[in-house]
Amino acid sequence: MAQGRWFFRVIERGNGVWTCRRGRHDLDHHDSLQEALEHMTSVAVQHRPSEVVVHYLHGGVESAAILP
């Protein structure tokens, strides 16, 4: 049976903070998008195949990293 891809999310909050999330669980918060992406990418590397997705406050979504 094929294993699915893990999704790790970085979510922009209205207070300027970025939340790192796996499923429904917040892992931590960062003051910059770059810090949050670095953290989530380091976590995603340990759970391949995985993808890091950014959710912007204005409703946009983009893939930041795909780790086969």
Protein backbone atom coordinates (compact mmCIF):
# COMPACT_ATOMS: atom_id res chain seq x y z
CA MET A 1 0.00 0.00 0.00
CA ALA A 2 1.42 3.41 -0.98
CA GLN A 3 2.13 5.93 1.76
CA GLY A 4 0.63 9.41 1.36
CA ARG A 5 2.42 12.71 1.66
CA TRP A 6 2.70 14.52 5.02
CA PHE A 7 1.61 18.17 5.00
CA PHE A 8 3.18 20.77 7.28
CA ARG A 9 1.61 24.21 7.32
CA VAL A 10 2.87 27.70 8.08
CA ILE A 11 -0.08 29.98 8.80
CA GLU A 12 -0.01 33.79 8.88
CA ARG A 13 -1.85 35.24 11.89
CA GLY A 14 -3.38 38.71 12.14
CA ASN A 15 -0.92 39.76 14.84
CA GLY A 16 2.14 39.36 12.59
CA VAL A 17 3.03 35.94 13.99
CA TRP A 18 3.45 32.79 11.89
CA THR A 19 2.13 29.51 13.30
CA CYS A 20 3.69 26.14 12.45
CA ARG A 21 1.09 23.39 12.35
CA ARG A 22 0.85 19.66 11.67
CA GLY A 23 -2.76 18.54 11.30
CA ARG A 24 -4.76 20.28 14.02
CA HIS A 25 -1.78 20.73 16.32
CA ASP A 26 0.13 23.98 16.59
CA LEU A 27 3.82 23.16 17.01
CA ASP A 28 5.09 26.68 17.70
CA HIS A 29 5.04 30.31 16.58
CA HIS A 30 7.62 32.57 14.90
CA ASP A 31 8.01 36.31 14.34
CA SER A 32 8.94 35.91 10.66
CA LEU A 33 7.90 33.77 7.73
CA GLN A 34 11.54 32.81 7.09
CA GLU A 35 11.99 31.45 10.63
CA ALA A 36 8.74 29.47 10.39
CA LEU A 37 9.69 28.01 6.98
CA GLU A 38 13.13 26.99 8.22
CA HIS A 39 11.57 25.23 11.21
CA MET A 40 8.85 23.44 9.24
CA THR A 41 11.25 22.38 6.51
CA SER A 42 13.57 20.84 9.11
CA VAL A 43 10.60 18.92 10.55
CA ALA A 44 9.32 17.89 7.11
CA VAL A 45 12.72 16.45 6.14
CA GLN A 46 12.25 13.87 8.91
CA HIS A 47 8.83 12.78 7.55
CA ARG A 48 9.28 12.21 3.82
CA PRO A 49 7.45 12.32 1.52
CA SER A 50 6.19 15.67 2.72
CA GLU A 51 5.24 19.18 1.70
CA VAL A 52 5.43 22.55 3.43
CA VAL A 53 2.49 24.82 2.59
CA VAL A 54 2.08 28.52 3.43
CA HIS A 55 -1.39 29.93 4.22
CA TYR A 56 -1.51 33.74 3.93
CA LEU A 57 -3.92 35.95 5.82
CA HIS A 58 -5.44 37.24 2.55
CA GLY A 59 -6.48 33.66 1.69
CA GLY A 60 -3.64 32.71 -0.65
CA VAL A 61 -1.95 29.34 -0.36
CA GLU A 62 1.38 28.26 -1.86
CA SER A 63 3.68 25.31 -1.70
CA ALA A 64 7.02 26.29 -0.14
CA ALA A 65 8.82 22.92 -0.30
CA ILE A 66 8.20 19.43 -1.61
CA LEU A 67 10.41 16.72 -0.11
CA PRO A 68 10.15 13.38 -1.96
